[in-house]
């Protein structure tokens, strides 16, 4: 073979080898676009797998929005509660009932004392003591908001206390939560304000005493929302504060009735479901005893002259209210309506 032919053969072989090499490289290495597509597909499959079995421990996307907090309805009792200052209870030093004026004054000058005004407002089927211009309630029916019971009221020495007038915000509680700073005239108005007064079951009122919402609530659970809302309304009206415990107890009650409004006037707004009391069993009247020879009428019991009360505030401070005609310290000046019961 000539040298020229040999060189041409070598050149052809080299050229063929180069083409084979380039073809191999092109078949085994994916383009950048194919690589990106493959990686994206792999990641999508991995994420889908995690989402399906819920086993991912990665943090949730920042774009996931939380549900907005529920807003307290404007004008609701909860709303007004949050406007009241929260402070500690002030000392009871200096508190006395007469710091709030004479008991049951006729502050509205309608010719009738506050106690009878509230009995007249809150009771039904009323009758009145004669010659009192329909002021002094003699009998009536109370649908008691505190217990849910029906109370048949009859005025008398042993029966009047079955229905009592409660200060929804007790005077002592008011004294310790800002009323010390009120004027005497404003405190008298507070004690006789129909907005802060309810006719209620006597024993329930005694049980409550001067407790706030943290220590006492009505046994009638259906009335608790309205009861707490009225306390809040009274404290707002007279610029009083609440303690932290009182605030928390009120908020807890209102959590079950967040749209409860603060009452705008006196009296019970919520209808009370009355629990009818069973009729007492009738007992056979005993046969009348044979007539006895009339004994001389005993002289009326002498009052203990050493017992004297300046006014009904002093009677209550001594824990003796109400006074009956036969009790030591009873005086006609304390019995404003002359029914034999003073300082009711």
Protein backbone atom coordinates (compact mmCIF):
# COMPACT_ATOMS: atom_id res chain seq x y z
CA UNK A 1 0.00 0.00 0.00
CA UNK A 2 1.31 3.41 -0.87
CA UNK A 3 2.00 5.94 1.84
CA UNK A 4 -0.69 8.21 0.51
CA UNK A 5 -3.34 5.51 0.66
CA UNK A 6 -2.28 4.55 4.20
CA UNK A 7 -2.74 8.14 5.46
CA UNK A 8 -6.28 8.35 3.99
CA UNK A 9 -7.25 5.11 5.70
CA UNK A 10 -6.02 6.37 9.10
CA UNK A 11 -7.95 9.63 8.68
CA UNK A 12 -11.22 7.78 7.91
CA UNK A 13 -10.83 5.49 10.93
CA UNK A 14 -10.14 8.44 13.25
CA UNK A 15 -13.14 10.30 11.95
CA UNK A 16 -15.41 7.31 12.47
CA UNK A 17 -14.15 6.83 16.04
CA UNK A 18 -14.85 10.47 16.89
CA UNK A 19 -18.43 10.20 15.64
CA UNK A 20 -19.03 7.05 17.69
CA UNK A 21 -17.67 8.78 20.82
CA UNK A 22 -19.92 11.81 20.39
CA UNK A 23 -22.99 9.64 19.85
CA UNK A 24 -22.38 7.75 23.07
CA UNK A 25 -22.05 10.94 25.09
CA UNK A 26 -25.28 12.35 23.64
CA UNK A 27 -27.32 9.20 24.52
CA UNK A 28 -26.22 8.94 28.18
CA UNK A 29 -26.33 12.56 29.44
CA UNK A 30 -29.84 14.26 29.76
CA UNK A 31 -30.25 17.87 28.82
CA UNK A 32 -30.59 20.50 31.61
CA UNK A 33 -34.30 20.93 30.84
CA UNK A 34 -34.90 17.19 31.12
CA UNK A 35 -32.99 17.11 34.44
CA UNK A 36 -35.05 19.97 35.85
CA UNK A 37 -38.31 18.32 34.77
CA UNK A 38 -37.28 15.02 36.31
CA UNK A 39 -36.30 16.67 39.62
CA UNK A 40 -39.60 18.57 39.77
CA UNK A 41 -41.58 15.40 39.12
CA UNK A 42 -39.68 13.55 41.84
CA UNK A 43 -40.29 16.34 44.37
CA UNK A 44 -44.01 16.44 43.52
CA UNK A 45 -44.30 12.69 44.07
CA UNK A 46 -42.46 12.95 47.40
CA UNK A 47 -44.74 15.77 48.61
CA UNK A 48 -47.82 13.89 47.48
CA UNK A 49 -46.69 10.85 49.40
CA UNK A 50 -46.16 12.93 52.56
CA UNK A 51 -49.54 14.62 52.24
CA UNK A 52 -51.30 11.28 51.80
CA UNK A 53 -49.92 9.57 54.89
CA UNK A 54 -49.74 12.67 57.08
CA UNK A 55 -46.27 11.81 58.31
CA UNK A 56 -44.56 15.08 57.40
CA UNK A 57 -42.91 16.96 60.22
CA UNK A 58 -42.35 20.09 58.19
CA UNK A 59 -43.87 23.42 59.40
CA UNK A 60 -47.17 24.51 57.82
CA UNK A 61 -47.04 27.07 55.07
CA UNK A 62 -46.98 30.67 56.27
CA UNK A 63 -49.91 31.37 53.99
CA UNK A 64 -52.31 29.27 56.12
CA UNK A 65 -54.55 31.83 57.91
CA UNK A 66 -55.89 31.43 61.45
CA UNK A 67 -59.57 31.90 62.25
CA UNK A 68 -60.21 35.45 63.55
CA UNK A 69 -60.91 35.81 67.28
CA UNK A 70 -64.59 36.18 68.15
CA UNK A 71 -65.40 39.81 68.90
CA UNK A 72 -67.31 40.80 72.01
CA UNK A 73 -70.64 42.30 70.84
CA UNK A 74 -70.58 46.07 71.27
CA UNK A 75 -72.89 47.21 74.05
CA UNK A 76 -73.15 43.74 75.56
CA UNK A 77 -72.61 43.07 79.25
CA UNK A 78 -69.23 41.54 78.38
CA UNK A 79 -68.29 44.73 76.55
CA UNK A 80 -69.28 46.92 79.51
CA UNK A 81 -67.51 44.58 81.93
CA UNK A 82 -64.23 45.16 80.12
CA UNK A 83 -64.72 48.91 80.61
CA UNK A 84 -64.86 48.59 84.42
CA UNK A 85 -61.62 49.15 86.34
CA UNK A 86 -60.22 46.07 88.09
CA UNK A 87 -58.80 46.83 91.54
CA UNK A 88 -58.41 45.27 94.95
CA UNK A 89 -61.15 45.55 97.54
CA UNK A 90 -60.85 48.66 99.71
CA UNK A 91 -61.05 48.31 103.51
CA UNK A 92 -64.52 48.16 105.04
CA UNK A 93 -63.43 50.72 107.62
CA UNK A 94 -66.09 53.34 108.26
CA UNK A 95 -68.93 51.41 106.63
CA UNK A 96 -72.38 51.70 108.20
CA UNK A 97 -75.85 51.42 106.73
CA UNK A 98 -76.57 55.07 107.43
CA UNK A 99 -73.66 56.05 105.15
CA UNK A 100 -76.26 55.41 102.42
CA UNK A 101 -78.97 57.57 103.99
CA UNK A 102 -82.15 56.60 105.86
CA UNK A 103 -83.45 53.18 104.89
CA UNK A 104 -86.09 53.18 102.15
CA UNK A 105 -86.37 56.92 101.75
CA UNK A 106 -88.97 58.40 99.44
CA UNK A 107 -86.29 59.75 97.09
CA UNK A 108 -88.69 60.17 94.16
CA UNK A 109 -91.18 62.10 96.34
CA UNK A 110 -94.17 60.08 95.17
CA UNK A 111 -95.53 59.73 98.70
CA UNK A 112 -94.46 56.07 98.99
CA UNK A 113 -91.25 54.65 100.45
CA UNK A 114 -88.82 52.72 98.26
CA UNK A 115 -89.61 49.29 99.76
CA UNK A 116 -93.27 49.54 98.82
CA UNK A 117 -92.40 51.04 95.44
CA UNK A 118 -90.40 47.89 94.62
CA UNK A 119 -93.03 45.50 96.04
CA UNK A 120 -95.59 47.30 93.93
CA UNK A 121 -93.39 47.04 90.82
CA UNK A 122 -92.32 43.40 91.14
CA UNK A 123 -95.44 41.69 92.47
CA UNK A 124 -98.76 40.85 90.86
CA UNK A 125 -102.30 40.38 92.23
CA UNK A 126 -101.69 43.06 94.85
CA UNK A 127 -103.96 44.45 97.51
CA UNK A 128 -103.17 47.51 99.59
CA UNK A 129 -103.46 48.57 103.17
CA UNK A 130 -106.43 50.87 103.64
CA UNK A 131 -105.91 54.62 103.63
CA UNK A 132 -102.39 54.43 102.13
CA UNK A 133 -103.30 55.64 98.62
CA UNK A 134 -102.30 52.28 97.12
CA UNK A 135 -98.83 52.56 98.61
CA UNK A 136 -98.46 49.92 101.32
CA UNK A 137 -98.78 46.45 99.76
CA UNK A 138 -100.86 44.16 101.96
CA UNK A 139 -100.82 41.00 99.82
CA UNK A 140 -99.41 39.95 96.47
CA UNK A 141 -97.69 37.26 94.44
CA UNK A 142 -93.97 37.28 93.66
CA UNK A 143 -92.38 35.14 90.96
CA UNK A 144 -89.00 35.08 92.66
CA UNK A 145 -86.07 35.50 90.23
CA UNK A 146 -83.48 34.10 92.65
CA UNK A 147 -85.13 30.73 93.30
CA UNK A 148 -87.76 30.46 90.55
CA UNK A 149 -90.45 29.90 93.19
CA UNK A 150 -93.87 31.48 93.57
CA UNK A 151 -94.25 33.33 96.86
CA UNK A 152 -97.64 34.37 98.17
CA UNK A 153 -96.90 37.48 100.20
CA UNK A 154 -98.97 38.61 103.16
CA UNK A 155 -97.92 41.63 105.14
CA UNK A 156 -97.67 40.94 108.86
CA UNK A 157 -95.44 40.60 111.87
CA UNK A 158 -94.41 37.03 111.07
CA UNK A 159 -94.81 37.01 107.28
CA UNK A 160 -93.41 40.23 105.81
CA UNK A 161 -89.84 38.92 105.76
CA UNK A 162 -90.81 36.20 103.24
CA UNK A 163 -90.20 38.85 100.56
CA UNK A 164 -87.27 41.21 100.96
CA UNK A 165 -85.78 43.96 98.81
CA UNK A 166 -82.26 43.11 97.67
CA UNK A 167 -79.56 45.54 96.61
CA UNK A 168 -78.22 43.71 93.53
CA UNK A 169 -74.87 45.34 94.23
CA UNK A 170 -74.77 45.16 98.01
CA UNK A 171 -74.14 48.38 99.92
CA UNK A 172 -71.08 46.93 101.66
CA UNK A 173 -69.67 45.74 98.33
CA UNK A 174 -70.26 49.19 96.85
CA UNK A 175 -68.52 50.82 99.83
CA UNK A 176 -65.42 48.68 99.22
CA UNK A 177 -65.36 49.24 95.45
CA UNK A 178 -65.57 53.00 95.16
CA UNK A 179 -68.69 54.29 96.95
CA UNK A 180 -66.56 55.80 99.72
CA UNK A 181 -65.66 58.49 97.22
CA UNK A 182 -69.31 59.25 96.36
CA UNK A 183 -71.18 62.09 98.01
CA UNK A 184 -73.72 61.30 100.71
CA UNK A 185 -76.55 62.35 98.38
CA UNK A 186 -75.29 60.01 95.64
CA UNK A 187 -74.99 57.13 98.10
CA UNK A 188 -78.58 57.73 99.23
CA UNK A 189 -79.66 57.65 95.61
CA UNK A 190 -77.67 54.42 95.11
CA UNK A 191 -79.40 52.72 98.05
CA UNK A 192 -82.85 53.64 96.74
CA UNK A 193 -82.24 53.34 92.99
CA UNK A 194 -84.86 50.96 91.48
CA UNK A 195 -82.20 49.94 88.95
CA UNK A 196 -80.27 48.28 91.81
CA UNK A 197 -83.27 46.79 93.63
CA UNK A 198 -85.27 43.57 93.25
CA UNK A 199 -88.02 42.02 95.38
CA UNK A 200 -86.77 38.50 96.14
CA UNK A 201 -87.11 35.46 98.38
CA UNK A 202 -86.18 36.48 101.92
CA UNK A 203 -84.00 33.45 102.81
CA UNK A 204 -82.10 33.75 99.51
CA UNK A 205 -81.43 37.42 100.23
CA UNK A 206 -80.14 36.55 103.69
CA UNK A 207 -77.90 33.87 102.21
CA UNK A 208 -76.43 36.31 99.72
CA UNK A 209 -75.69 38.92 102.41
CA UNK A 210 -73.12 41.33 100.90
CA UNK A 211 -71.57 38.75 98.54
CA UNK A 212 -70.41 39.61 95.04
CA UNK A 213 -70.56 37.40 91.92
CA UNK A 214 -67.43 35.54 93.03
CA UNK A 215 -69.07 34.34 96.25
CA UNK A 216 -72.81 34.11 95.48
CA UNK A 217 -75.06 33.56 92.46
CA UNK A 218 -78.83 32.88 92.33
CA UNK A 219 -79.84 29.23 92.58
CA UNK A 220 -82.07 29.88 89.56
CA UNK A 221 -79.43 29.38 86.83
CA UNK A 222 -81.67 30.79 84.09
CA UNK A 223 -81.49 34.20 85.83
CA UNK A 224 -77.72 34.35 86.36
CA UNK A 225 -76.89 36.10 83.07
CA UNK A 226 -79.37 38.90 83.73
CA UNK A 227 -78.34 39.13 87.38
CA UNK A 228 -74.64 39.57 86.56
CA UNK A 229 -75.46 41.97 83.71
CA UNK A 230 -77.42 44.16 86.14
CA UNK A 231 -74.52 44.21 88.59
CA UNK A 232 -72.26 45.35 85.76
CA UNK A 233 -74.77 48.05 84.78
CA UNK A 234 -74.98 49.33 88.36
CA UNK A 235 -71.21 49.50 88.72
CA UNK A 236 -70.91 51.32 85.42
CA UNK A 237 -73.64 53.81 86.39
CA UNK A 238 -71.98 54.71 89.70
CA UNK A 239 -68.32 54.53 88.59
CA UNK A 240 -67.51 51.56 90.82
CA UNK A 241 -64.86 48.96 90.15
CA UNK A 242 -64.71 45.16 90.29
CA UNK A 243 -62.14 42.93 91.94
CA UNK A 244 -60.26 40.42 89.80
CA UNK A 245 -62.23 37.53 91.28
CA UNK A 246 -65.50 39.34 90.69
CA UNK A 247 -64.51 40.17 87.09
CA UNK A 248 -63.56 36.57 86.34
CA UNK A 249 -66.77 35.18 87.86
CA UNK A 250 -68.90 37.61 85.84
CA UNK A 251 -67.04 36.76 82.64
CA UNK A 252 -67.49 33.05 83.31
CA UNK A 253 -71.27 33.44 83.69
CA UNK A 254 -71.54 35.60 80.55
CA UNK A 255 -69.50 33.14 78.48
CA UNK A 256 -72.70 31.11 78.13
CA UNK A 257 -74.68 34.19 76.97
CA UNK A 258 -72.21 36.50 75.16
CA UNK A 259 -74.99 38.62 73.63
CA UNK A 260 -76.60 39.39 77.01
CA UNK A 261 -77.26 43.13 77.21
CA UNK A 262 -76.98 45.30 80.30
CA UNK A 263 -80.55 46.00 81.53
CA UNK A 264 -81.72 49.52 80.79
CA UNK A 265 -84.38 49.83 83.50
CA UNK A 266 -85.49 48.33 86.79
CA UNK A 267 -87.24 45.03 87.34
CA UNK A 268 -86.83 41.57 85.89
CA UNK A 269 -86.57 41.35 82.10
CA UNK A 270 -86.28 37.56 81.68
CA UNK A 271 -89.58 35.70 82.26
CA UNK A 272 -89.26 33.51 85.34
CA UNK A 273 -90.37 29.89 85.14
CA UNK A 274 -92.20 29.55 88.42
CA UNK A 275 -92.04 26.32 90.38
CA UNK A 276 -95.49 25.87 91.79
CA UNK A 277 -95.47 24.97 95.46
CA UNK A 278 -97.79 22.09 96.43
CA UNK A 279 -100.91 23.08 98.27
CA UNK A 280 -100.58 22.42 101.98
CA UNK A 281 -102.64 19.51 103.26
CA UNK A 282 -105.88 20.55 104.85
CA UNK A 283 -106.09 19.67 108.50
CA UNK A 284 -109.30 19.17 110.38
CA UNK A 285 -110.17 22.08 112.55
CA UNK A 286 -110.14 21.05 116.20
CA UNK A 287 -113.41 21.25 118.06
CA UNK A 288 -113.75 24.51 119.96
CA UNK A 289 -112.81 24.29 123.59
CA UNK A 290 -115.55 24.92 126.13
CA UNK A 291 -115.94 28.55 127.06
CA UNK A 292 -113.66 29.59 129.83
CA UNK A 293 -114.31 32.16 132.45
CA UNK A 294 -112.80 35.38 131.17
CA UNK A 295 -109.45 36.10 132.70
CA UNK A 296 -108.41 39.67 133.26
CA UNK A 297 -106.46 41.02 130.30
CA UNK A 298 -102.76 41.07 131.15
CA UNK A 299 -101.04 44.41 131.05
CA UNK A 300 -98.92 44.96 127.96
CA UNK A 301 -95.30 43.92 128.32
CA UNK A 302 -93.13 46.70 129.58
CA UNK A 303 -90.43 47.80 127.18
CA UNK A 304 -86.89 47.67 128.42
CA UNK A 305 -86.20 51.35 128.91
CA UNK A 306 -82.48 50.70 128.62
CA UNK A 307 -82.84 49.74 124.94
CA UNK A 308 -83.08 52.74 122.64
CA UNK A 309 -82.40 53.11 118.93
CA UNK A 310 -81.94 56.50 117.36
CA UNK A 311 -83.12 55.31 113.97
CA UNK A 312 -83.51 52.19 111.81
CA UNK A 313 -79.88 52.36 110.81
CA UNK A 314 -78.97 51.78 114.46
CA UNK A 315 -81.45 48.90 114.64
CA UNK A 316 -79.86 47.22 111.64
CA UNK A 317 -76.36 47.85 112.90
CA UNK A 318 -77.37 46.02 116.09
CA UNK A 319 -78.75 43.13 114.02
CA UNK A 320 -82.26 43.57 115.47
CA UNK A 321 -84.22 44.47 112.33
CA UNK A 322 -87.11 44.11 111.87
CA UNK A 323 -88.45 45.16 115.27
CA UNK A 324 -91.90 44.03 116.33
CA UNK A 325 -94.14 45.95 118.66
CA UNK A 326 -93.29 43.68 121.59
CA UNK A 327 -89.51 43.82 121.04
CA UNK A 328 -87.21 45.87 123.26
CA UNK A 329 -86.36 49.13 121.54
CA UNK A 330 -89.52 49.28 119.42
CA UNK A 331 -90.83 52.82 119.06
CA UNK A 332 -93.72 54.19 116.99
CA UNK A 333 -91.34 56.65 115.29
CA UNK A 334 -89.48 53.66 113.79
CA UNK A 335 -92.71 52.13 112.48
CA UNK A 336 -93.50 54.48 109.63
CA UNK A 337 -96.64 52.72 108.44
CA UNK A 338 -97.90 51.75 111.90
CA UNK A 339 -98.30 48.06 111.14
CA UNK A 340 -96.44 46.90 114.24
CA UNK A 341 -93.23 46.14 112.35
CA UNK A 342 -90.45 48.71 112.47
CA UNK A 343 -87.37 48.95 110.28
CA UNK A 344 -88.52 46.37 107.74
